[in-house]
Amino acid sequence: MTMNKLIFAAAMALAAASSAQAAAIRGLANTGASAGLIDNNYQLNGKSSFVTANDAAFPFPHWSANSALSRWIMPTALQGESFNHTSPGTYTWHLGFDLSGFDVASAAFSGRFAADNTATAYLNGHAIGLTSGFGENDWRQLSANNFFVAGVNSLDFVVTNYAYGAGNPTGLRVEFSTSHVTAVPEPEAFAMLLAGLLLVGAAARRRQS
């Protein structure tokens, strides 16, 4: 490869590295986004979650109405099933996503979530959001621009369901609005860039001598 070609290739590598476009974070799925009554993205006790199907049945209209963007998920296939008759219950929904090959310092997402009765969201063990209800006006902000790690990340929603004598349904709803992360340039790009810069420096020194 001639010097001019090497310099040109290095310049192209530099341009590619400096203008890397942010991409959406793969794996951040809204609850109930997939068709059907099973949500395979969110795991409860290591098992897939069930999706509410009928907005005309209990616990609707107490819960915010499902939409094309997201739906409520729950522990069982029986919509509106009651739990926690005598003592509160804790339900941890888990969503995993992989940032291998990406610059975790550039990662961020935003959205909203709701839960029956309340929930705290944790990104890799760090609290990033808290809900206080489940109706149309009870959405809470969900966002993060730190606490990301290289490789597999864990987003967990720890839901507390209150105890009622007659029982109490429980569920979770999550809806992402934005996310972005930048890919880490390949090592070959940096190697080509360094080689090109060295040759440019050598050529400049020869011209001055």
N, C-alpha and C. Protein backbone atom coordinates (compact mmCIF):
# COMPACT_ATOMS: atom_id res chain seq x y z
N MET A 1 0.85 -1.20 0.00
CA MET A 1 0.00 0.00 0.00
C MET A 1 0.88 1.24 0.00
N THR A 2 0.67 2.19 -0.95
CA THR A 2 1.46 3.41 -1.01
C THR A 2 1.14 4.29 0.18
N MET A 3 2.04 5.29 0.43
CA MET A 3 1.84 6.18 1.56
C MET A 3 0.54 6.95 1.43
N ASN A 4 0.26 7.44 0.22
CA ASN A 4 -0.97 8.22 0.03
C ASN A 4 -2.21 7.39 0.34
N LYS A 5 -2.19 6.12 -0.12
CA LYS A 5 -3.34 5.26 0.15
C LYS A 5 -3.47 4.97 1.63
N LEU A 6 -2.33 4.78 2.31
CA LEU A 6 -2.38 4.49 3.73
C LEU A 6 -2.90 5.68 4.51
N ILE A 7 -2.43 6.87 4.12
CA ILE A 7 -2.91 8.08 4.79
C ILE A 7 -4.40 8.26 4.56
N PHE A 8 -4.84 8.01 3.31
CA PHE A 8 -6.26 8.14 3.02
C PHE A 8 -7.08 7.15 3.85
N ALA A 9 -6.60 5.90 3.94
CA ALA A 9 -7.32 4.89 4.74
C ALA A 9 -7.36 5.30 6.20
N ALA A 10 -6.24 5.86 6.69
CA ALA A 10 -6.22 6.31 8.08
C ALA A 10 -7.20 7.45 8.31
N ALA A 11 -7.28 8.35 7.35
CA ALA A 11 -8.23 9.46 7.47
C ALA A 11 -9.66 8.95 7.50
N MET A 12 -9.94 7.95 6.66
CA MET A 12 -11.28 7.38 6.65
C MET A 12 -11.59 6.70 7.98
N ALA A 13 -10.59 6.01 8.54
CA ALA A 13 -10.78 5.36 9.83
C ALA A 13 -11.04 6.39 10.91
N LEU A 14 -10.31 7.51 10.87
CA LEU A 14 -10.54 8.58 11.84
C LEU A 14 -11.94 9.14 11.71
N ALA A 15 -12.37 9.36 10.48
CA ALA A 15 -13.71 9.90 10.26
C ALA A 15 -14.77 8.94 10.80
N ALA A 16 -14.57 7.66 10.57
CA ALA A 16 -15.54 6.67 11.04
C ALA A 16 -15.57 6.62 12.55
N ALA A 17 -14.38 6.71 13.17
CA ALA A 17 -14.33 6.63 14.63
C ALA A 17 -14.93 7.87 15.27
N SER A 18 -14.68 9.05 14.67
CA SER A 18 -15.14 10.29 15.29
C SER A 18 -16.61 10.58 15.02
N SER A 19 -17.17 9.94 13.97
CA SER A 19 -18.56 10.22 13.62
C SER A 19 -19.47 9.03 13.89
N ALA A 20 -19.05 8.15 14.83
CA ALA A 20 -19.86 6.98 15.14
C ALA A 20 -21.25 7.43 15.59
N GLN A 21 -22.24 6.84 14.99
CA GLN A 21 -23.61 7.23 15.29
C GLN A 21 -24.14 6.47 16.49
N ALA A 22 -24.90 7.14 17.33
CA ALA A 22 -25.53 6.48 18.46
C ALA A 22 -26.65 5.59 17.96
N ALA A 23 -26.76 4.42 18.55
CA ALA A 23 -27.81 3.47 18.21
C ALA A 23 -28.71 3.26 19.42
N ALA A 24 -29.92 2.77 19.17
CA ALA A 24 -30.81 2.43 20.27
C ALA A 24 -30.25 1.23 21.02
N ILE A 25 -30.48 1.18 22.31
CA ILE A 25 -30.01 0.06 23.13
C ILE A 25 -30.89 -1.15 22.84
N ARG A 26 -30.26 -2.20 22.34
CA ARG A 26 -31.01 -3.43 22.05
C ARG A 26 -31.38 -4.14 23.35
N GLY A 27 -32.62 -4.61 23.41
CA GLY A 27 -33.06 -5.37 24.57
C GLY A 27 -33.94 -4.59 25.52
N LEU A 28 -34.06 -3.28 25.32
CA LEU A 28 -34.98 -2.49 26.16
C LEU A 28 -36.37 -2.58 25.54
N ALA A 29 -37.18 -3.48 26.06
CA ALA A 29 -38.50 -3.74 25.49
C ALA A 29 -39.59 -3.23 26.42
N ASN A 30 -40.64 -2.67 25.83
CA ASN A 30 -41.81 -2.30 26.61
C ASN A 30 -42.54 -3.55 27.07
N THR A 31 -43.18 -3.47 28.23
CA THR A 31 -43.93 -4.62 28.71
C THR A 31 -45.10 -4.92 27.77
N GLY A 32 -45.29 -6.21 27.48
CA GLY A 32 -46.40 -6.63 26.64
C GLY A 32 -46.31 -6.19 25.21
N ALA A 33 -45.12 -5.78 24.75
CA ALA A 33 -45.00 -5.25 23.39
C ALA A 33 -45.15 -6.34 22.34
N SER A 34 -44.73 -7.56 22.66
CA SER A 34 -44.85 -8.64 21.69
C SER A 34 -46.29 -9.14 21.63
N ALA A 35 -46.67 -9.65 20.48
CA ALA A 35 -48.03 -10.14 20.31
C ALA A 35 -48.24 -11.39 21.17
N GLY A 36 -49.45 -11.58 21.64
CA GLY A 36 -49.76 -12.76 22.45
C GLY A 36 -49.88 -12.44 23.91
N LEU A 37 -50.09 -13.49 24.70
CA LEU A 37 -50.36 -13.34 26.13
C LEU A 37 -49.15 -13.68 26.99
N ILE A 38 -48.00 -13.88 26.36
CA ILE A 38 -46.77 -14.16 27.10
C ILE A 38 -45.74 -13.10 26.76
N ASP A 39 -45.09 -12.56 27.77
CA ASP A 39 -44.00 -11.62 27.58
C ASP A 39 -42.71 -12.33 27.95
N ASN A 40 -41.91 -12.66 26.93
CA ASN A 40 -40.67 -13.39 27.16
C ASN A 40 -39.50 -12.48 27.52
N ASN A 41 -39.70 -11.18 27.46
CA ASN A 41 -38.62 -10.24 27.79
C ASN A 41 -38.47 -10.05 29.29
N TYR A 42 -39.58 -10.01 29.99
CA TYR A 42 -39.57 -9.76 31.43
C TYR A 42 -39.75 -11.08 32.18
N GLN A 43 -38.80 -11.36 33.07
CA GLN A 43 -38.81 -12.60 33.83
C GLN A 43 -39.22 -12.32 35.27
N LEU A 44 -40.13 -13.15 35.77
CA LEU A 44 -40.55 -13.10 37.17
C LEU A 44 -40.21 -14.46 37.77
N ASN A 45 -39.27 -14.46 38.72
CA ASN A 45 -38.79 -15.71 39.31
C ASN A 45 -38.28 -16.66 38.23
N GLY A 46 -37.60 -16.10 37.22
CA GLY A 46 -37.01 -16.91 36.18
C GLY A 46 -37.97 -17.40 35.12
N LYS A 47 -39.23 -16.96 35.17
CA LYS A 47 -40.23 -17.40 34.21
C LYS A 47 -40.81 -16.21 33.46
N SER A 48 -41.32 -16.45 32.27
CA SER A 48 -41.92 -15.39 31.47
C SER A 48 -43.17 -14.84 32.16
N SER A 49 -43.50 -13.60 31.85
CA SER A 49 -44.65 -12.94 32.44
C SER A 49 -45.88 -13.08 31.56
N PHE A 50 -47.04 -12.88 32.16
CA PHE A 50 -48.30 -12.94 31.43
C PHE A 50 -48.80 -11.53 31.17
N VAL A 51 -49.51 -11.36 30.06
CA VAL A 51 -49.94 -10.05 29.60
C VAL A 51 -51.46 -9.92 29.74
N THR A 52 -51.91 -8.79 30.27
CA THR A 52 -53.35 -8.54 30.36
C THR A 52 -53.93 -8.43 28.95
N ALA A 53 -55.14 -8.96 28.79
CA ALA A 53 -55.73 -9.03 27.45
C ALA A 53 -57.01 -8.21 27.29
N ASN A 54 -57.73 -8.00 28.37
CA ASN A 54 -59.07 -7.43 28.27
C ASN A 54 -59.17 -6.17 29.11
N ASP A 55 -59.18 -5.00 28.43
CA ASP A 55 -59.27 -3.73 29.14
C ASP A 55 -60.64 -3.48 29.75
N ALA A 56 -61.61 -4.32 29.40
CA ALA A 56 -62.96 -4.15 29.94
C ALA A 56 -63.17 -4.95 31.22
N ALA A 57 -62.17 -5.71 31.63
CA ALA A 57 -62.29 -6.57 32.81
C ALA A 57 -61.39 -6.06 33.93
N PHE A 58 -61.73 -6.43 35.18
CA PHE A 58 -60.92 -6.08 36.34
C PHE A 58 -59.49 -6.61 36.13
N PRO A 59 -58.47 -5.85 36.51
CA PRO A 59 -58.46 -4.64 37.33
C PRO A 59 -58.62 -3.32 36.58
N PHE A 60 -58.92 -3.37 35.28
CA PHE A 60 -59.31 -2.15 34.58
C PHE A 60 -60.74 -1.80 35.01
N PRO A 61 -61.10 -0.52 35.11
CA PRO A 61 -60.36 0.68 34.70
C PRO A 61 -59.45 1.27 35.77
N HIS A 62 -59.19 0.53 36.85
CA HIS A 62 -58.29 1.06 37.87
C HIS A 62 -56.87 1.19 37.34
N TRP A 63 -56.44 0.25 36.51
CA TRP A 63 -55.14 0.36 35.88
C TRP A 63 -55.23 1.25 34.65
N SER A 64 -54.13 1.92 34.30
CA SER A 64 -54.09 2.71 33.07
C SER A 64 -54.32 1.79 31.88
N ALA A 65 -55.04 2.27 30.90
CA ALA A 65 -55.44 1.44 29.77
C ALA A 65 -54.23 0.99 28.94
N ASN A 66 -54.27 -0.26 28.49
CA ASN A 66 -53.25 -0.76 27.58
C ASN A 66 -53.23 0.06 26.30
N SER A 67 -52.11 0.01 25.57
CA SER A 67 -52.00 0.73 24.31
C SER A 67 -51.18 -0.10 23.34
N ALA A 68 -51.00 0.45 22.14
CA ALA A 68 -50.17 -0.24 21.15
C ALA A 68 -48.70 -0.23 21.54
N LEU A 69 -48.32 0.66 22.45
CA LEU A 69 -46.92 0.75 22.87
C LEU A 69 -46.58 -0.22 23.99
N SER A 70 -47.49 -0.40 24.94
CA SER A 70 -47.19 -1.26 26.08
C SER A 70 -48.48 -1.77 26.70
N ARG A 71 -48.33 -2.89 27.42
CA ARG A 71 -49.45 -3.47 28.16
C ARG A 71 -48.97 -3.91 29.53
N TRP A 72 -49.92 -4.10 30.42
CA TRP A 72 -49.59 -4.56 31.77
C TRP A 72 -49.18 -6.03 31.73
N ILE A 73 -48.19 -6.37 32.57
CA ILE A 73 -47.83 -7.77 32.78
C ILE A 73 -48.15 -8.15 34.23
N MET A 74 -48.36 -9.44 34.46
CA MET A 74 -48.81 -9.92 35.78
C MET A 74 -48.24 -11.31 36.03
N PRO A 75 -48.35 -11.81 37.26
CA PRO A 75 -47.71 -13.09 37.59
C PRO A 75 -48.39 -14.31 36.99
N THR A 76 -49.69 -14.26 36.74
CA THR A 76 -50.42 -15.44 36.26
C THR A 76 -51.25 -15.10 35.04
N ALA A 77 -51.74 -16.15 34.37
CA ALA A 77 -52.56 -15.95 33.18
C ALA A 77 -53.98 -15.52 33.51
N LEU A 78 -54.39 -15.66 34.75
CA LEU A 78 -55.74 -15.31 35.16
C LEU A 78 -55.79 -13.82 35.48
N GLN A 79 -56.33 -13.03 34.55
CA GLN A 79 -56.34 -11.58 34.71
C GLN A 79 -57.13 -11.19 35.96
N GLY A 80 -56.54 -10.29 36.73
CA GLY A 80 -57.22 -9.81 37.93
C GLY A 80 -57.12 -10.74 39.12
N GLU A 81 -56.33 -11.80 39.02
CA GLU A 81 -56.20 -12.71 40.17
C GLU A 81 -55.67 -11.94 41.38
N SER A 82 -56.19 -12.25 42.56
CA SER A 82 -55.81 -11.53 43.77
C SER A 82 -54.72 -12.27 44.53
N PHE A 83 -53.87 -11.47 45.16
CA PHE A 83 -52.77 -11.99 45.97
C PHE A 83 -52.75 -11.26 47.30
N ASN A 84 -51.90 -11.72 48.20
CA ASN A 84 -51.57 -10.98 49.43
C ASN A 84 -52.81 -10.63 50.25
N HIS A 85 -53.54 -11.64 50.65
CA HIS A 85 -54.74 -11.44 51.47
C HIS A 85 -54.37 -11.00 52.89
N THR A 86 -53.25 -11.48 53.42
CA THR A 86 -52.93 -11.21 54.83
C THR A 86 -51.61 -10.47 55.02
N SER A 87 -50.72 -10.50 54.06
CA SER A 87 -49.42 -9.83 54.21
C SER A 87 -48.96 -9.32 52.86
N PRO A 88 -48.16 -8.25 52.86
CA PRO A 88 -47.68 -7.69 51.59
C PRO A 88 -46.83 -8.70 50.83
N GLY A 89 -46.76 -8.51 49.51
CA GLY A 89 -45.94 -9.38 48.67
C GLY A 89 -44.94 -8.57 47.87
N THR A 90 -43.82 -9.20 47.53
CA THR A 90 -42.79 -8.57 46.72
C THR A 90 -42.59 -9.37 45.44
N TYR A 91 -42.60 -8.68 44.29
CA TYR A 91 -42.48 -9.32 42.99
C TYR A 91 -41.38 -8.58 42.21
N THR A 92 -40.35 -9.30 41.81
CA THR A 92 -39.23 -8.68 41.10
C THR A 92 -39.22 -9.11 39.64
N TRP A 93 -39.53 -8.16 38.76
CA TRP A 93 -39.48 -8.40 37.33
C TRP A 93 -38.10 -8.00 36.82
N HIS A 94 -37.51 -8.86 35.99
CA HIS A 94 -36.14 -8.66 35.52
C HIS A 94 -36.11 -8.53 33.99
N LEU A 95 -35.38 -7.52 33.52
CA LEU A 95 -35.14 -7.32 32.09
C LEU A 95 -33.63 -7.21 31.89
N GLY A 96 -33.06 -8.07 31.04
CA GLY A 96 -31.64 -8.01 30.76
C GLY A 96 -31.35 -7.46 29.38
N PHE A 97 -30.23 -6.75 29.23
CA PHE A 97 -29.80 -6.26 27.92
C PHE A 97 -28.28 -6.21 27.89
N ASP A 98 -27.71 -6.39 26.70
CA ASP A 98 -26.27 -6.57 26.54
C ASP A 98 -25.63 -5.37 25.85
N LEU A 99 -24.60 -4.79 26.49
CA LEU A 99 -23.88 -3.66 25.91
C LEU A 99 -22.48 -4.05 25.46
N SER A 100 -22.25 -5.32 25.22
CA SER A 100 -20.95 -5.75 24.70
C SER A 100 -20.66 -5.06 23.37
N GLY A 101 -19.46 -4.50 23.23
CA GLY A 101 -19.09 -3.80 22.01
C GLY A 101 -19.53 -2.36 21.96
N PHE A 102 -20.10 -1.85 23.07
CA PHE A 102 -20.56 -0.47 23.11
C PHE A 102 -19.87 0.29 24.23
N ASP A 103 -19.81 1.60 24.08
CA ASP A 103 -19.23 2.49 25.08
C ASP A 103 -20.27 2.76 26.16
N VAL A 104 -20.11 2.15 27.33
CA VAL A 104 -21.14 2.27 28.37
C VAL A 104 -21.26 3.70 28.87
N ALA A 105 -20.20 4.50 28.74
CA ALA A 105 -20.27 5.89 29.18
C ALA A 105 -21.22 6.71 28.32
N SER A 106 -21.52 6.23 27.12
CA SER A 106 -22.41 6.95 26.22
C SER A 106 -23.86 6.49 26.34
N ALA A 107 -24.13 5.48 27.15
CA ALA A 107 -25.47 4.89 27.21
C ALA A 107 -26.43 5.74 28.04
N ALA A 108 -27.68 5.74 27.62
CA ALA A 108 -28.73 6.44 28.36
C ALA A 108 -30.08 5.95 27.85
N PHE A 109 -31.09 6.03 28.70
CA PHE A 109 -32.46 5.76 28.27
C PHE A 109 -33.42 6.57 29.12
N SER A 110 -34.64 6.71 28.62
CA SER A 110 -35.70 7.39 29.36
C SER A 110 -37.03 6.73 29.03
N GLY A 111 -37.99 6.92 29.89
CA GLY A 111 -39.32 6.34 29.69
C GLY A 111 -40.17 6.58 30.92
N ARG A 112 -41.10 5.66 31.15
CA ARG A 112 -41.99 5.78 32.30
C ARG A 112 -42.44 4.39 32.73
N PHE A 113 -42.92 4.28 33.97
CA PHE A 113 -43.42 3.00 34.44
C PHE A 113 -44.48 3.21 35.53
N ALA A 114 -45.26 2.16 35.73
CA ALA A 114 -46.31 2.16 36.74
C ALA A 114 -46.40 0.76 37.32
N ALA A 115 -46.95 0.66 38.53
CA ALA A 115 -47.04 -0.64 39.18
C ALA A 115 -48.18 -0.65 40.18
N ASP A 116 -48.71 -1.83 40.42
CA ASP A 116 -49.72 -2.07 41.44
C ASP A 116 -49.07 -2.95 42.52
N ASN A 117 -48.78 -2.43 43.74
CA ASN A 117 -49.14 -1.10 44.17
C ASN A 117 -48.02 -0.07 43.95
N THR A 118 -46.80 -0.39 44.32
CA THR A 118 -45.66 0.51 44.11
C THR A 118 -44.47 -0.30 43.61
N ALA A 119 -43.48 0.41 43.03
CA ALA A 119 -42.29 -0.29 42.56
C ALA A 119 -41.09 0.64 42.60
N THR A 120 -39.92 0.04 42.77
CA THR A 120 -38.65 0.73 42.62
C THR A 120 -37.88 0.06 41.49
N ALA A 121 -37.34 0.87 40.59
CA ALA A 121 -36.55 0.36 39.47
C ALA A 121 -35.08 0.42 39.83
N TYR A 122 -34.34 -0.64 39.49
CA TYR A 122 -32.91 -0.72 39.78
C TYR A 122 -32.16 -1.07 38.50
N LEU A 123 -31.12 -0.29 38.20
CA LEU A 123 -30.22 -0.60 37.10
C LEU A 123 -28.92 -1.10 37.70
N ASN A 124 -28.65 -2.39 37.51
CA ASN A 124 -27.46 -3.02 38.08
C ASN A 124 -27.31 -2.73 39.57
N GLY A 125 -28.44 -2.79 40.26
CA GLY A 125 -28.45 -2.63 41.71
C GLY A 125 -28.60 -1.21 42.20
N HIS A 126 -28.63 -0.23 41.31
CA HIS A 126 -28.76 1.19 41.69
C HIS A 126 -30.18 1.66 41.44
N ALA A 127 -30.82 2.24 42.45
CA ALA A 127 -32.19 2.73 42.31
C ALA A 127 -32.23 3.90 41.34
N ILE A 128 -33.15 3.82 40.34
CA ILE A 128 -33.24 4.90 39.34
C ILE A 128 -34.66 5.42 39.18
N GLY A 129 -35.62 4.88 39.95
CA GLY A 129 -37.00 5.37 39.81
C GLY A 129 -37.91 4.72 40.82
N LEU A 130 -38.99 5.43 41.16
CA LEU A 130 -39.96 4.95 42.15
C LEU A 130 -41.36 5.30 41.68
N THR A 131 -42.30 4.34 41.77
CA THR A 131 -43.70 4.61 41.43
C THR A 131 -44.52 4.74 42.71
N SER A 132 -45.73 5.27 42.55
CA SER A 132 -46.63 5.37 43.70
C SER A 132 -48.07 5.05 43.32
N GLY A 133 -48.29 4.43 42.18
CA GLY A 133 -49.66 4.11 41.80
C GLY A 133 -49.75 3.50 40.43
N PHE A 134 -51.00 3.30 39.96
CA PHE A 134 -51.19 2.51 38.74
C PHE A 134 -52.28 3.05 37.83
N GLY A 135 -52.82 4.22 38.10
CA GLY A 135 -53.88 4.77 37.26
C GLY A 135 -53.31 5.61 36.12
N GLU A 136 -54.20 6.24 35.38
CA GLU A 136 -53.79 7.03 34.21
C GLU A 136 -52.84 8.16 34.59
N ASN A 137 -52.97 8.69 35.80
CA ASN A 137 -52.14 9.82 36.22
C ASN A 137 -51.00 9.40 37.13
N ASP A 138 -50.72 8.11 37.19
CA ASP A 138 -49.73 7.62 38.15
C ASP A 138 -48.46 7.09 37.50
N TRP A 139 -48.22 7.43 36.25
CA TRP A 139 -46.95 7.09 35.63
C TRP A 139 -45.81 7.85 36.33
N ARG A 140 -44.64 7.22 36.40
CA ARG A 140 -43.47 7.88 36.96
C ARG A 140 -42.31 7.77 35.99
N GLN A 141 -41.40 8.75 36.07
CA GLN A 141 -40.27 8.80 35.15
C GLN A 141 -39.33 7.63 35.40
N LEU A 142 -38.78 7.10 34.30
CA LEU A 142 -37.77 6.06 34.34
C LEU A 142 -36.63 6.50 33.44
N SER A 143 -35.45 6.75 34.01
CA SER A 143 -34.35 7.22 33.19
C SER A 143 -33.01 6.88 33.84
N ALA A 144 -31.99 6.80 33.00
CA ALA A 144 -30.64 6.54 33.49
C ALA A 144 -29.63 7.03 32.47
N ASN A 145 -28.54 7.62 32.95
CA ASN A 145 -27.42 7.96 32.08
C ASN A 145 -26.10 7.54 32.72
N ASN A 146 -26.17 6.72 33.78
CA ASN A 146 -24.99 6.11 34.37
C ASN A 146 -25.40 4.77 34.99
N PHE A 147 -24.46 4.13 35.67
CA PHE A 147 -24.65 2.81 36.28
C PHE A 147 -24.67 1.67 35.25
N PHE A 148 -24.40 1.97 33.99
CA PHE A 148 -24.31 0.90 32.99
C PHE A 148 -22.99 0.17 33.14
N VAL A 149 -22.94 -1.09 32.73
CA VAL A 149 -21.72 -1.88 32.79
C VAL A 149 -21.47 -2.54 31.44
N ALA A 150 -20.21 -2.88 31.18
CA ALA A 150 -19.87 -3.61 29.97
C ALA A 150 -20.48 -5.01 30.03
N GLY A 151 -20.99 -5.47 28.91
CA GLY A 151 -21.61 -6.80 28.88
C GLY A 151 -23.07 -6.75 29.28
N VAL A 152 -23.52 -7.77 29.99
CA VAL A 152 -24.93 -7.91 30.33
C VAL A 152 -25.31 -6.98 31.48
N ASN A 153 -26.39 -6.23 31.29
CA ASN A 153 -26.93 -5.32 32.31
C ASN A 153 -28.26 -5.85 32.81
N SER A 154 -28.59 -5.49 34.06
CA SER A 154 -29.84 -5.93 34.68
C SER A 154 -30.69 -4.73 35.06
N LEU A 155 -31.92 -4.71 34.55
CA LEU A 155 -32.90 -3.72 34.94
C LEU A 155 -34.01 -4.45 35.67
N ASP A 156 -34.15 -4.18 36.97
CA ASP A 156 -35.09 -4.91 37.82
C ASP A 156 -36.14 -3.97 38.40
N PHE A 157 -37.38 -4.42 38.42
CA PHE A 157 -38.49 -3.67 38.98
C PHE A 157 -39.03 -4.45 40.17
N VAL A 158 -38.80 -3.92 41.36
CA VAL A 158 -39.23 -4.59 42.58
C VAL A 158 -40.57 -4.00 43.01
N VAL A 159 -41.62 -4.78 42.81
CA VAL A 159 -42.99 -4.33 43.07
C VAL A 159 -43.44 -4.79 44.45
N THR A 160 -44.01 -3.89 45.21
CA THR A 160 -44.63 -4.22 46.50
C THR A 160 -46.13 -4.19 46.33
N ASN A 161 -46.78 -5.29 46.67
CA ASN A 161 -48.24 -5.38 46.59
C ASN A 161 -48.80 -5.39 48.00
N TYR A 162 -49.70 -4.46 48.29
CA TYR A 162 -50.23 -4.33 49.64
C TYR A 162 -51.18 -5.47 49.98
N ALA A 163 -51.35 -5.69 51.27
CA ALA A 163 -52.25 -6.75 51.74
C ALA A 163 -53.66 -6.20 51.94
N TYR A 164 -54.64 -6.92 51.40
CA TYR A 164 -56.05 -6.62 51.62
C TYR A 164 -56.76 -7.92 51.93
N GLY A 165 -57.75 -7.85 52.79
CA GLY A 165 -58.46 -9.05 53.18
C GLY A 165 -59.09 -9.77 52.00
N ALA A 166 -59.60 -9.01 51.03
CA ALA A 166 -60.23 -9.61 49.87
C ALA A 166 -59.23 -9.98 48.78
N GLY A 167 -57.96 -9.68 49.01
CA GLY A 167 -56.95 -9.93 47.99
C GLY A 167 -56.70 -8.71 47.13
N ASN A 168 -55.61 -8.73 46.40
CA ASN A 168 -55.18 -7.55 45.67
C ASN A 168 -54.42 -7.98 44.40
N PRO A 169 -54.86 -7.55 43.22
CA PRO A 169 -54.09 -7.87 42.01
C PRO A 169 -52.78 -7.10 42.00
N THR A 170 -51.83 -7.56 41.21
CA THR A 170 -50.56 -6.86 41.10
C THR A 170 -50.05 -6.94 39.66
N GLY A 171 -49.32 -5.93 39.25
CA GLY A 171 -48.80 -5.92 37.89
C GLY A 171 -47.78 -4.82 37.69
N LEU A 172 -47.20 -4.80 36.50
CA LEU A 172 -46.16 -3.84 36.14
C LEU A 172 -46.36 -3.40 34.71
N ARG A 173 -46.05 -2.14 34.46
CA ARG A 173 -46.09 -1.63 33.10
C ARG A 173 -44.89 -0.71 32.88
N VAL A 174 -44.13 -0.95 31.79
CA VAL A 174 -42.92 -0.19 31.48
C VAL A 174 -42.97 0.23 30.03
N GLU A 175 -42.59 1.48 29.78
CA GLU A 175 -42.66 2.03 28.43
C GLU A 175 -41.44 2.93 28.20
N PHE A 176 -40.53 2.52 27.31
CA PHE A 176 -39.35 3.31 26.99
C PHE A 176 -39.68 4.29 25.87
N SER A 177 -39.15 5.51 25.98
CA SER A 177 -39.37 6.51 24.94
C SER A 177 -38.10 6.76 24.12
N THR A 178 -36.94 6.79 24.75
CA THR A 178 -35.68 6.99 24.04
C THR A 178 -34.59 6.13 24.67
N SER A 179 -33.59 5.79 23.86
CA SER A 179 -32.37 5.15 24.35
C SER A 179 -31.29 5.34 23.31
N HIS A 180 -30.04 5.41 23.76
CA HIS A 180 -28.94 5.51 22.80
C HIS A 180 -27.64 5.03 23.45
N VAL A 181 -26.75 4.53 22.59
CA VAL A 181 -25.42 4.10 23.00
C VAL A 181 -24.55 4.10 21.75
N THR A 182 -23.26 4.35 21.93
CA THR A 182 -22.34 4.44 20.80
C THR A 182 -21.43 3.21 20.76
N ALA A 183 -21.25 2.66 19.58
CA ALA A 183 -20.40 1.49 19.42
C ALA A 183 -18.94 1.85 19.63
N VAL A 184 -18.17 0.92 20.18
CA VAL A 184 -16.73 1.11 20.33
C VAL A 184 -16.06 0.81 19.00
N PRO A 185 -15.24 1.74 18.43
CA PRO A 185 -14.58 1.48 17.15
C PRO A 185 -13.69 0.24 17.20
N GLU A 186 -13.59 -0.47 16.10
CA GLU A 186 -12.75 -1.67 16.03
C GLU A 186 -11.28 -1.31 16.22
N PRO A 187 -10.49 -2.18 16.86
CA PRO A 187 -9.04 -1.91 17.04
C PRO A 187 -8.32 -1.65 15.73
N GLU A 188 -8.76 -2.29 14.63
CA GLU A 188 -8.11 -2.08 13.35
C GLU A 188 -8.18 -0.64 12.90
N ALA A 189 -9.28 0.03 13.24
CA ALA A 189 -9.42 1.44 12.85
C ALA A 189 -8.38 2.30 13.54
N PHE A 190 -8.15 2.04 14.84
CA PHE A 190 -7.14 2.81 15.56
C PHE A 190 -5.73 2.50 15.05
N ALA A 191 -5.47 1.23 14.71
CA ALA A 191 -4.16 0.86 14.20
C ALA A 191 -3.89 1.55 12.87
N MET A 192 -4.88 1.57 11.99
CA MET A 192 -4.72 2.24 10.70
C MET A 192 -4.53 3.74 10.90
N LEU A 193 -5.26 4.31 11.83
CA LEU A 193 -5.14 5.74 12.12
C LEU A 193 -3.73 6.07 12.60
N LEU A 194 -3.21 5.27 13.54
CA LEU A 194 -1.89 5.52 14.07
C LEU A 194 -0.83 5.41 12.98
N ALA A 195 -0.95 4.36 12.14
CA ALA A 195 0.03 4.19 11.06
C ALA A 195 0.00 5.37 10.11
N GLY A 196 -1.17 5.84 9.77
CA GLY A 196 -1.30 6.97 8.87
C GLY A 196 -0.71 8.23 9.46
N LEU A 197 -0.95 8.49 10.75
CA LEU A 197 -0.43 9.68 11.39
C LEU A 197 1.09 9.64 11.47
N LEU A 198 1.66 8.45 11.73
CA LEU A 198 3.11 8.33 11.76
C LEU A 198 3.72 8.64 10.40
N LEU A 199 3.09 8.14 9.34
CA LEU A 199 3.60 8.41 8.00
C LEU A 199 3.47 9.89 7.65
N VAL A 200 2.36 10.50 8.05
CA VAL A 200 2.21 11.94 7.79
C VAL A 200 3.29 12.72 8.48
N GLY A 201 3.60 12.34 9.74
CA GLY A 201 4.65 13.04 10.47
C GLY A 201 6.01 12.84 9.83
N ALA A 202 6.29 11.61 9.36
CA ALA A 202 7.57 11.34 8.71
C ALA A 202 7.71 12.13 7.43
N ALA A 203 6.63 12.20 6.65
CA ALA A 203 6.66 12.94 5.40
C ALA A 203 6.89 14.42 5.65
N ALA A 204 6.26 14.95 6.68
CA ALA A 204 6.41 16.37 7.01
C ALA A 204 7.86 16.67 7.41
N ARG A 205 8.46 15.76 8.18
CA ARG A 205 9.84 15.99 8.59
C ARG A 205 10.81 15.96 7.39
N ARG A 206 10.56 15.05 6.43
CA ARG A 206 11.41 14.99 5.25
C ARG A 206 11.31 16.27 4.43
N ARG A 207 10.09 16.82 4.35
CA ARG A 207 9.93 18.06 3.57
C ARG A 207 10.67 19.23 4.22
N GLN A 208 10.77 19.22 5.55
CA GLN A 208 11.41 20.32 6.25
C GLN A 208 12.93 20.21 6.22
N SER A 209 13.43 18.99 6.00
CA SER A 209 14.90 18.80 6.02
C SER A 209 15.53 19.09 4.66
